[in-house]
C-alpha atoms as a PDB file:
ATOM      1  CA  MET A   1       0.000   0.000   0.000  1.00  0.00           C
ATOM      2  CA  GLU A   2       2.827   2.410   0.828  1.00  0.00           C
ATOM      3  CA  GLU A   3       4.485   1.782  -2.548  1.00  0.00           C
ATOM      4  CA  THR A   4       1.257   2.688  -4.349  1.00  0.00           C
ATOM      5  CA  TYR A   5       1.033   5.955  -2.427  1.00  0.00           C
ATOM      6  CA  LEU A   6       4.660   6.740  -3.165  1.00  0.00           C
ATOM      7  CA  ASP A   7       4.149   5.998  -6.851  1.00  0.00           C
ATOM      8  CA  HIS A   8       1.090   8.259  -7.060  1.00  0.00           C
ATOM      9  CA  GLN A   9       2.805  10.968  -5.029  1.00  0.00           C
ATOM     10  CA  LYS A  10       5.892  10.722  -7.227  1.00  0.00           C
ATOM     11  CA  LEU A  11       3.748  11.012 -10.360  1.00  0.00           C
ATOM     12  CA  ASP A  12       2.017  14.086  -8.945  1.00  0.00           C
ATOM     13  CA  ASP A  13       5.383  15.609  -8.027  1.00  0.00           C
ATOM     14  CA  MET A  14       6.814  14.909 -11.480  1.00  0.00           C
ATOM     15  CA  THR A  15       3.764  16.468 -13.148  1.00  0.00           C
ATOM     16  CA  GLY A  16       4.170  19.561 -10.989  1.00  0.00           C
ATOM     17  CA  VAL A  17       7.863  19.806 -11.822  1.00  0.00           C
ATOM     18  CA  GLU A  18       7.139  19.428 -15.526  1.00  0.00           C
ATOM     19  CA  ARG A  19       4.663  22.296 -15.358  1.00  0.00           C
ATOM     20  CA  SER A  20       7.059  24.408 -13.300  1.00  0.00           C
ATOM     21  CA  ILE A  21       9.925  23.915 -15.750  1.00  0.00           C
ATOM     22  CA  SER A  22       7.665  24.517 -18.770  1.00  0.00           C
ATOM     23  CA  ALA A  23       6.350  27.755 -17.280  1.00  0.00           C
ATOM     24  CA  ALA A  24       9.730  29.022 -16.086  1.00  0.00           C
ATOM     25  CA  GLN A  25      10.157  32.701 -16.876  1.00  0.00           C
ATOM     26  CA  SER A  26      13.608  33.041 -15.387  1.00  0.00           C
ATOM     27  CA  VAL A  27      16.692  31.062 -14.479  1.00  0.00           C
ATOM     28  CA  GLU A  28      15.554  31.132 -10.838  1.00  0.00           C
ATOM     29  CA  ASP A  29      12.228  29.522 -11.765  1.00  0.00           C
ATOM     30  CA  LEU A  30      14.026  26.888 -13.809  1.00  0.00           C
ATOM     31  CA  ARG A  31      16.472  26.275 -10.965  1.00  0.00           C
ATOM     32  CA  ASP A  32      13.641  25.605  -8.494  1.00  0.00           C
ATOM     33  CA  GLY A  33      12.072  23.048 -10.820  1.00  0.00           C
ATOM     34  CA  LEU A  34      15.368  21.304 -11.475  1.00  0.00           C
ATOM     35  CA  LEU A  35      16.184  21.142  -7.757  1.00  0.00           C
ATOM     36  CA  THR A  36      12.802  19.564  -7.096  1.00  0.00           C
ATOM     37  CA  LEU A  37      13.413  17.055  -9.878  1.00  0.00           C
ATOM     38  CA  CYS A  38      16.789  16.146  -8.354  1.00  0.00           C
ATOM     39  CA  ARG A  39      15.130  15.676  -4.950  1.00  0.00           C
ATOM     40  CA  ILE A  40      12.570  13.288  -6.444  1.00  0.00           C
ATOM     41  CA  ILE A  41      15.267  11.271  -8.227  1.00  0.00           C
ATOM     42  CA  ARG A  42      17.493  11.146  -5.135  1.00  0.00           C
ATOM     43  CA  HIS A  43      14.575   9.953  -3.002  1.00  0.00           C
ATOM     44  CA  SER A  44      13.769   7.210  -5.533  1.00  0.00           C
ATOM     45  CA  LEU A  45      17.387   6.058  -5.618  1.00  0.00           C
ATOM     46  CA  THR A  46      17.594   6.036  -1.820  1.00  0.00           C
ATOM     47  CA  LEU A  47      14.483   3.859  -1.587  1.00  0.00           C
ATOM     48  CA  SER A  48      15.884   1.516  -4.235  1.00  0.00           C
ATOM     49  CA  VAL A  49      19.213   1.126  -2.415  1.00  0.00           C
ATOM     50  CA  GLU A  50      17.430   0.516   0.901  1.00  0.00           C
ATOM     51  CA  ASP A  51      15.296  -2.184  -0.735  1.00  0.00           C
ATOM     52  CA  ASP A  52      18.406  -3.808  -2.212  1.00  0.00           C
ATOM     53  CA  GLU A  53      20.109  -3.784   1.195  1.00  0.00           C
ATOM     54  CA  ARG A  54      17.091  -5.481   2.788  1.00  0.00           C
ATOM     55  CA  ILE A  55      16.896  -8.090   0.017  1.00  0.00           C
ATOM     56  CA  LEU A  56      20.587  -8.878   0.397  1.00  0.00           C
ATOM     57  CA  GLY A  57      20.180  -9.161   4.168  1.00  0.00           C
ATOM     58  CA  ARG A  58      22.474  -6.260   4.941  1.00  0.00           C
ATOM     59  CA  ARG A  59      19.795  -4.211   6.648  1.00  0.00           C
ATOM     60  CA  LEU A  60      16.847  -5.122   8.817  1.00  0.00           C
ATOM     61  CA  PRO A  61      13.431  -3.856   7.672  1.00  0.00           C
ATOM     62  CA  SER A  62      13.076  -1.766  10.851  1.00  0.00           C
ATOM     63  CA  GLU A  63      16.256   0.247  10.230  1.00  0.00           C
END
């Protein structure tokens, strides 16, 4: 259930970033959208690495 929420939330975030970047009127606006995009990607990678660690037995699910 949590994965579904994260997937929907991530999709909503990506849609918002796409709109923000498309509507950017200045470098500052573009920068904000790109920083948000990087945050989303970093979060996804962190979750993926944590899942891999659990699967390989290097980390307990409660950590």
